[in-house]
Amino acid sequence: MSEARKSGVKRVFIASTSFITAAQEGKIKKESAPIDITLIDSIYTTTKIACEALAHSNYKEYGAPHYTILRYGS
């Protein structure tokens, strides 16, 4: 993300996973639902959550690049 910011990239796309919803409570999942780390059941899911969190933190701290997260299913 820092190289994208330094290079002037306006938006990045992140390939994530629908498995993240396993770390959210309730039957109906919303993008805004909090993630409960005690519900994470795999290293794969953990790394995808970390990538999403890094994109969010980078944007909040530096204001760029914007990001879009695509949560693909299997």
PDB file of N, CA and C in Angstrom:
ATOM      1  N   MET A   1       0.818  -1.192   0.000  1.00  0.00           N
ATOM      2  CA  MET A   1       0.000   0.000   0.000  1.00  0.00           C
ATOM      3  C   MET A   1       0.861   1.255   0.000  1.00  0.00           C
ATOM      4  N   SER A   2       1.976   1.216   0.722  1.00  0.00           N
ATOM      5  CA  SER A   2       2.801   2.426   0.763  1.00  0.00           C
ATOM      6  C   SER A   2       3.416   2.706  -0.598  1.00  0.00           C
ATOM      7  N   GLU A   3       3.809   1.670  -1.333  1.00  0.00           N
ATOM      8  CA  GLU A   3       4.352   1.881  -2.674  1.00  0.00           C
ATOM      9  C   GLU A   3       3.280   2.401  -3.619  1.00  0.00           C
ATOM     10  N   ALA A   4       2.063   1.907  -3.457  1.00  0.00           N
ATOM     11  CA  ALA A   4       0.961   2.408  -4.286  1.00  0.00           C
ATOM     12  C   ALA A   4       0.735   3.889  -3.999  1.00  0.00           C
ATOM     13  N   ARG A   5       0.754   4.249  -2.739  1.00  0.00           N
ATOM     14  CA  ARG A   5       0.559   5.652  -2.344  1.00  0.00           C
ATOM     15  C   ARG A   5       1.684   6.524  -2.909  1.00  0.00           C
ATOM     16  N   LYS A   6       2.923   6.071  -2.760  1.00  0.00           N
ATOM     17  CA  LYS A   6       4.074   6.832  -3.256  1.00  0.00           C
ATOM     18  C   LYS A   6       4.044   6.985  -4.775  1.00  0.00           C
ATOM     19  N   SER A   7       3.481   5.999  -5.452  1.00  0.00           N
ATOM     20  CA  SER A   7       3.408   6.022  -6.917  1.00  0.00           C
ATOM     21  C   SER A   7       2.213   6.796  -7.441  1.00  0.00           C
ATOM     22  N   GLY A   8       1.361   7.275  -6.539  1.00  0.00           N
ATOM     23  CA  GLY A   8       0.204   8.051  -6.956  1.00  0.00           C
ATOM     24  C   GLY A   8      -1.012   7.230  -7.361  1.00  0.00           C
ATOM     25  N   VAL A   9      -1.022   5.947  -7.008  1.00  0.00           N
ATOM     26  CA  VAL A   9      -2.175   5.101  -7.317  1.00  0.00           C
ATOM     27  C   VAL A   9      -3.377   5.613  -6.533  1.00  0.00           C
ATOM     28  N   LYS A  10      -4.493   5.772  -7.214  1.00  0.00           N
ATOM     29  CA  LYS A  10      -5.693   6.328  -6.579  1.00  0.00           C
ATOM     30  C   LYS A  10      -6.524   5.266  -5.864  1.00  0.00           C
ATOM     31  N   ARG A  11      -6.586   4.049  -6.401  1.00  0.00           N
ATOM     32  CA  ARG A  11      -7.406   2.988  -5.806  1.00  0.00           C
ATOM     33  C   ARG A  11      -6.727   1.645  -6.021  1.00  0.00           C
ATOM     34  N   VAL A  12      -6.803   0.806  -5.002  1.00  0.00           N
ATOM     35  CA  VAL A  12      -6.322  -0.570  -5.114  1.00  0.00           C
ATOM     36  C   VAL A  12      -7.491  -1.516  -4.894  1.00  0.00           C
ATOM     37  N   PHE A  13      -7.412  -2.682  -5.489  1.00  0.00           N
ATOM     38  CA  PHE A  13      -8.422  -3.720  -5.314  1.00  0.00           C
ATOM     39  C   PHE A  13      -7.768  -4.874  -4.571  1.00  0.00           C
ATOM     40  N   ILE A  14      -8.444  -5.344  -3.546  1.00  0.00           N
ATOM     41  CA  ILE A  14      -7.906  -6.412  -2.708  1.00  0.00           C
ATOM     42  C   ILE A  14      -8.785  -7.645  -2.866  1.00  0.00           C
ATOM     43  N   ALA A  15      -8.174  -8.770  -3.217  1.00  0.00           N
ATOM     44  CA  ALA A  15      -8.893 -10.035  -3.333  1.00  0.00           C
ATOM     45  C   ALA A  15      -8.941 -10.669  -1.951  1.00  0.00           C
ATOM     46  N   SER A  16     -10.119 -10.678  -1.357  1.00  0.00           N
ATOM     47  CA  SER A  16     -10.288 -11.262  -0.037  1.00  0.00           C
ATOM     48  C   SER A  16     -11.148 -12.523  -0.172  1.00  0.00           C
ATOM     49  N   THR A  17     -11.854 -12.885   0.860  1.00  0.00           N
ATOM     50  CA  THR A  17     -12.620 -14.128   0.863  1.00  0.00           C
ATOM     51  C   THR A  17     -13.925 -13.985   1.631  1.00  0.00           C
ATOM     52  N   SER A  18     -14.917 -14.752   1.224  1.00  0.00           N
ATOM     53  CA  SER A  18     -16.189 -14.762   1.946  1.00  0.00           C
ATOM     54  C   SER A  18     -16.063 -15.501   3.280  1.00  0.00           C
ATOM     55  N   PHE A  19     -14.959 -16.208   3.488  1.00  0.00           N
ATOM     56  CA  PHE A  19     -14.753 -16.926   4.752  1.00  0.00           C
ATOM     57  C   PHE A  19     -14.682 -15.970   5.948  1.00  0.00           C
ATOM     58  N   ILE A  20     -14.443 -14.701   5.669  1.00  0.00           N
ATOM     59  CA  ILE A  20     -14.410 -13.716   6.755  1.00  0.00           C
ATOM     60  C   ILE A  20     -15.743 -13.648   7.484  1.00  0.00           C
ATOM     61  N   THR A  21     -16.824 -13.923   6.764  1.00  0.00           N
ATOM     62  CA  THR A  21     -18.138 -13.859   7.408  1.00  0.00           C
ATOM     63  C   THR A  21     -18.277 -14.889   8.528  1.00  0.00           C
ATOM     64  N   ALA A  22     -17.428 -15.926   8.546  1.00  0.00           N
ATOM     65  CA  ALA A  22     -17.454 -16.908   9.639  1.00  0.00           C
ATOM     66  C   ALA A  22     -17.043 -16.263  10.958  1.00  0.00           C
ATOM     67  N   ALA A  23     -16.346 -15.129  10.883  1.00  0.00           N
ATOM     68  CA  ALA A  23     -15.898 -14.423  12.085  1.00  0.00           C
ATOM     69  C   ALA A  23     -16.864 -13.309  12.474  1.00  0.00           C
ATOM     70  N   GLN A  24     -18.061 -13.339  11.893  1.00  0.00           N
ATOM     71  CA  GLN A  24     -19.100 -12.371  12.238  1.00  0.00           C
ATOM     72  C   GLN A  24     -20.284 -13.119  12.835  1.00  0.00           C
ATOM     73  N   GLU A  25     -20.895 -12.531  13.841  1.00  0.00           N
ATOM     74  CA  GLU A  25     -22.034 -13.177  14.488  1.00  0.00           C
ATOM     75  C   GLU A  25     -23.312 -12.972  13.690  1.00  0.00           C
ATOM     76  N   GLY A  26     -24.265 -13.868  13.913  1.00  0.00           N
ATOM     77  CA  GLY A  26     -25.579 -13.751  13.300  1.00  0.00           C
ATOM     78  C   GLY A  26     -25.697 -14.501  11.991  1.00  0.00           C
ATOM     79  N   LYS A  27     -26.956 -14.756  11.608  1.00  0.00           N
ATOM     80  CA  LYS A  27     -27.214 -15.476  10.364  1.00  0.00           C
ATOM     81  C   LYS A  27     -27.035 -14.581   9.147  1.00  0.00           C
ATOM     82  N   ILE A  28     -27.527 -13.347   9.232  1.00  0.00           N
ATOM     83  CA  ILE A  28     -27.426 -12.409   8.130  1.00  0.00           C
ATOM     84  C   ILE A  28     -26.177 -11.564   8.341  1.00  0.00           C
ATOM     85  N   LYS A  29     -25.297 -11.569   7.358  1.00  0.00           N
ATOM     86  CA  LYS A  29     -24.013 -10.863   7.472  1.00  0.00           C
ATOM     87  C   LYS A  29     -24.084  -9.523   6.750  1.00  0.00           C
ATOM     88  N   LYS A  30     -23.547  -8.511   7.378  1.00  0.00           N
ATOM     89  CA  LYS A  30     -23.447  -7.189   6.768  1.00  0.00           C
ATOM     90  C   LYS A  30     -21.976  -6.803   6.727  1.00  0.00           C
ATOM     91  N   GLU A  31     -21.613  -6.011   5.720  1.00  0.00           N
ATOM     92  CA  GLU A  31     -20.221  -5.571   5.621  1.00  0.00           C
ATOM     93  C   GLU A  31     -19.792  -4.793   6.851  1.00  0.00           C
ATOM     94  N   SER A  32     -20.729  -4.105   7.476  1.00  0.00           N
ATOM     95  CA  SER A  32     -20.405  -3.272   8.635  1.00  0.00           C
ATOM     96  C   SER A  32     -20.380  -4.058   9.950  1.00  0.00           C
ATOM     97  N   ALA A  33     -20.716  -5.349   9.898  1.00  0.00           N
ATOM     98  CA  ALA A  33     -20.737  -6.159  11.120  1.00  0.00           C
ATOM     99  C   ALA A  33     -19.328  -6.314  11.665  1.00  0.00           C
ATOM    100  N   PRO A  34     -19.172  -6.190  12.982  1.00  0.00           N
ATOM    101  CA  PRO A  34     -17.832  -6.346  13.558  1.00  0.00           C
ATOM    102  C   PRO A  34     -17.317  -7.779  13.417  1.00  0.00           C
ATOM    103  N   ILE A  35     -16.011  -7.902  13.394  1.00  0.00           N
ATOM    104  CA  ILE A  35     -15.372  -9.211  13.313  1.00  0.00           C
ATOM    105  C   ILE A  35     -14.956  -9.630  14.713  1.00  0.00           C
ATOM    106  N   ASP A  36     -15.365 -10.816  15.102  1.00  0.00           N
ATOM    107  CA  ASP A  36     -15.035 -11.374  16.415  1.00  0.00           C
ATOM    108  C   ASP A  36     -13.866 -12.335  16.233  1.00  0.00           C
ATOM    109  N   ILE A  37     -12.683 -11.936  16.690  1.00  0.00           N
ATOM    110  CA  ILE A  37     -11.501 -12.763  16.440  1.00  0.00           C
ATOM    111  C   ILE A  37     -11.575 -14.135  17.104  1.00  0.00           C
ATOM    112  N   THR A  38     -12.431 -14.304  18.104  1.00  0.00           N
ATOM    113  CA  THR A  38     -12.561 -15.624  18.731  1.00  0.00           C
ATOM    114  C   THR A  38     -13.299 -16.610  17.822  1.00  0.00           C
ATOM    115  N   LEU A  39     -13.931 -16.114  16.758  1.00  0.00           N
ATOM    116  CA  LEU A  39     -14.647 -16.985  15.827  1.00  0.00           C
ATOM    117  C   LEU A  39     -13.809 -17.382  14.613  1.00  0.00           C
ATOM    118  N   ILE A  40     -12.593 -16.826  14.498  1.00  0.00           N
ATOM    119  CA  ILE A  40     -11.733 -17.153  13.364  1.00  0.00           C
ATOM    120  C   ILE A  40     -11.249 -18.587  13.520  1.00  0.00           C
ATOM    121  N   ASP A  41     -11.368 -19.364  12.434  1.00  0.00           N
ATOM    122  CA  ASP A  41     -11.039 -20.782  12.527  1.00  0.00           C
ATOM    123  C   ASP A  41      -9.905 -21.239  11.619  1.00  0.00           C
ATOM    124  N   SER A  42      -9.243 -20.297  10.939  1.00  0.00           N
ATOM    125  CA  SER A  42      -8.135 -20.726  10.083  1.00  0.00           C
ATOM    126  C   SER A  42      -7.124 -19.594   9.884  1.00  0.00           C
ATOM    127  N   ILE A  43      -5.904 -19.983   9.571  1.00  0.00           N
ATOM    128  CA  ILE A  43      -4.856 -19.004   9.287  1.00  0.00           C
ATOM    129  C   ILE A  43      -5.195 -18.246   8.014  1.00  0.00           C
ATOM    130  N   TYR A  44      -5.796 -18.929   7.051  1.00  0.00           N
ATOM    131  CA  TYR A  44      -6.199 -18.285   5.793  1.00  0.00           C
ATOM    132  C   TYR A  44      -7.124 -17.100   6.073  1.00  0.00           C
ATOM    133  N   THR A  45      -8.145 -17.317   6.869  1.00  0.00           N
ATOM    134  CA  THR A  45      -9.082 -16.242   7.211  1.00  0.00           C
ATOM    135  C   THR A  45      -8.371 -15.123   7.955  1.00  0.00           C
ATOM    136  N   THR A  46      -7.489 -15.480   8.860  1.00  0.00           N
ATOM    137  CA  THR A  46      -6.726 -14.490   9.625  1.00  0.00           C
ATOM    138  C   THR A  46      -5.920 -13.584   8.706  1.00  0.00           C
ATOM    139  N   THR A  47      -5.247 -14.163   7.713  1.00  0.00           N
ATOM    140  CA  THR A  47      -4.431 -13.349   6.813  1.00  0.00           C
ATOM    141  C   THR A  47      -5.291 -12.437   5.954  1.00  0.00           C
ATOM    142  N   LYS A  48      -6.464 -12.892   5.549  1.00  0.00           N
ATOM    143  CA  LYS A  48      -7.359 -12.051   4.741  1.00  0.00           C
ATOM    144  C   LYS A  48      -7.900 -10.895   5.575  1.00  0.00           C
ATOM    145  N   ILE A  49      -8.262 -11.158   6.830  1.00  0.00           N
ATOM    146  CA  ILE A  49      -8.721 -10.094   7.725  1.00  0.00           C
ATOM    147  C   ILE A  49      -7.596  -9.082   7.945  1.00  0.00           C
ATOM    148  N   ALA A  50      -6.375  -9.576   8.116  1.00  0.00           N
ATOM    149  CA  ALA A  50      -5.232  -8.684   8.316  1.00  0.00           C
ATOM    150  C   ALA A  50      -5.016  -7.780   7.102  1.00  0.00           C
ATOM    151  N   CYS A  51      -5.135  -8.337   5.897  1.00  0.00           N
ATOM    152  CA  CYS A  51      -4.970  -7.524   4.680  1.00  0.00           C
ATOM    153  C   CYS A  51      -6.032  -6.436   4.599  1.00  0.00           C
ATOM    154  N   GLU A  52      -7.270  -6.786   4.931  1.00  0.00           N
ATOM    155  CA  GLU A  52      -8.348  -5.793   4.921  1.00  0.00           C
ATOM    156  C   GLU A  52      -8.080  -4.709   5.954  1.00  0.00           C
ATOM    157  N   ALA A  53      -7.634  -5.109   7.138  1.00  0.00           N
ATOM    158  CA  ALA A  53      -7.350  -4.142   8.206  1.00  0.00           C
ATOM    159  C   ALA A  53      -6.194  -3.219   7.818  1.00  0.00           C
ATOM    160  N   LEU A  54      -5.177  -3.761   7.174  1.00  0.00           N
ATOM    161  CA  LEU A  54      -4.050  -2.932   6.731  1.00  0.00           C
ATOM    162  C   LEU A  54      -4.487  -1.907   5.694  1.00  0.00           C
ATOM    163  N   ALA A  55      -5.331  -2.305   4.764  1.00  0.00           N
ATOM    164  CA  ALA A  55      -5.831  -1.359   3.761  1.00  0.00           C
ATOM    165  C   ALA A  55      -6.617  -0.242   4.433  1.00  0.00           C
ATOM    166  N   HIS A  56      -7.462  -0.618   5.380  1.00  0.00           N
ATOM    167  CA  HIS A  56      -8.278   0.374   6.092  1.00  0.00           C
ATOM    168  C   HIS A  56      -7.396   1.325   6.907  1.00  0.00           C
ATOM    169  N   SER A  57      -6.449   0.782   7.644  1.00  0.00           N
ATOM    170  CA  SER A  57      -5.569   1.606   8.477  1.00  0.00           C
ATOM    171  C   SER A  57      -4.705   2.537   7.629  1.00  0.00           C
ATOM    172  N   ASN A  58      -4.213   2.022   6.516  1.00  0.00           N
ATOM    173  CA  ASN A  58      -3.398   2.848   5.618  1.00  0.00           C
ATOM    174  C   ASN A  58      -4.216   4.024   5.088  1.00  0.00           C
ATOM    175  N   TYR A  59      -5.448   3.750   4.700  1.00  0.00           N
ATOM    176  CA  TYR A  59      -6.305   4.820   4.186  1.00  0.00           C
ATOM    177  C   TYR A  59      -6.618   5.840   5.279  1.00  0.00           C
ATOM    178  N   LYS A  60      -6.933   5.361   6.486  1.00  0.00           N
ATOM    179  CA  LYS A  60      -7.264   6.274   7.593  1.00  0.00           C
ATOM    180  C   LYS A  60      -6.062   7.142   7.967  1.00  0.00           C
ATOM    181  N   GLU A  61      -4.876   6.566   7.932  1.00  0.00           N
ATOM    182  CA  GLU A  61      -3.686   7.302   8.354  1.00  0.00           C
ATOM    183  C   GLU A  61      -3.170   8.260   7.278  1.00  0.00           C
ATOM    184  N   TYR A  62      -3.192   7.815   6.017  1.00  0.00           N
ATOM    185  CA  TYR A  62      -2.580   8.601   4.950  1.00  0.00           C
ATOM    186  C   TYR A  62      -3.571   9.207   3.951  1.00  0.00           C
ATOM    187  N   GLY A  63      -4.826   8.742   3.976  1.00  0.00           N
ATOM    188  CA  GLY A  63      -5.830   9.281   3.067  1.00  0.00           C
ATOM    189  C   GLY A  63      -5.744   8.755   1.643  1.00  0.00           C
ATOM    190  N   ALA A  64      -4.865   7.835   1.384  1.00  0.00           N
ATOM    191  CA  ALA A  64      -4.739   7.256   0.047  1.00  0.00           C
ATOM    192  C   ALA A  64      -3.940   5.973   0.141  1.00  0.00           C
ATOM    193  N   PRO A  65      -4.036   5.069  -0.756  1.00  0.00           N
ATOM    194  CA  PRO A  65      -5.037   5.048  -1.809  1.00  0.00           C
ATOM    195  C   PRO A  65      -6.389   4.562  -1.286  1.00  0.00           C
ATOM    196  N   HIS A  66      -7.435   4.916  -2.025  1.00  0.00           N
ATOM    197  CA  HIS A  66      -8.747   4.344  -1.722  1.00  0.00           C
ATOM    198  C   HIS A  66      -8.645   2.852  -2.009  1.00  0.00           C
ATOM    199  N   TYR A  67      -9.558   2.076  -1.461  1.00  0.00           N
ATOM    200  CA  TYR A  67      -9.478   0.638  -1.684  1.00  0.00           C
ATOM    201  C   TYR A  67     -10.865   0.041  -1.854  1.00  0.00           C
ATOM    202  N   THR A  68     -10.906  -1.032  -2.589  1.00  0.00           N
ATOM    203  CA  THR A  68     -12.121  -1.831  -2.757  1.00  0.00           C
ATOM    204  C   THR A  68     -11.747  -3.247  -2.411  1.00  0.00           C
ATOM    205  N   ILE A  69     -12.534  -3.858  -1.534  1.00  0.00           N
ATOM    206  CA  ILE A  69     -12.285  -5.237  -1.129  1.00  0.00           C
ATOM    207  C   ILE A  69     -13.320  -6.125  -1.806  1.00  0.00           C
ATOM    208  N   LEU A  70     -12.846  -7.123  -2.512  1.00  0.00           N
ATOM    209  CA  LEU A  70     -13.719  -8.093  -3.174  1.00  0.00           C
ATOM    210  C   LEU A  70     -13.640  -9.391  -2.378  1.00  0.00           C
ATOM    211  N   ARG A  71     -14.752  -9.803  -1.805  1.00  0.00           N
ATOM    212  CA  ARG A  71     -14.783 -11.029  -1.003  1.00  0.00           C
ATOM    213  C   ARG A  71     -15.353 -12.167  -1.834  1.00  0.00           C
ATOM    214  N   TYR A  72     -14.458 -12.914  -2.446  1.00  0.00           N
ATOM    215  CA  TYR A  72     -14.856 -14.008  -3.313  1.00  0.00           C
ATOM    216  C   TYR A  72     -15.277 -15.234  -2.510  1.00  0.00           C
ATOM    217  N   GLY A  73     -16.233 -15.954  -3.038  1.00  0.00           N
ATOM    218  CA  GLY A  73     -16.655 -17.223  -2.451  1.00  0.00           C
ATOM    219  C   GLY A  73     -15.892 -18.368  -3.096  1.00  0.00           C
ATOM    220  N   SER A  74     -16.073 -19.548  -2.545  1.00  0.00           N
ATOM    221  CA  SER A  74     -15.366 -20.701  -3.125  1.00  0.00           C
ATOM    222  C   SER A  74     -16.260 -21.453  -4.083  1.00  0.00           C
TER     223      SER A  74
END
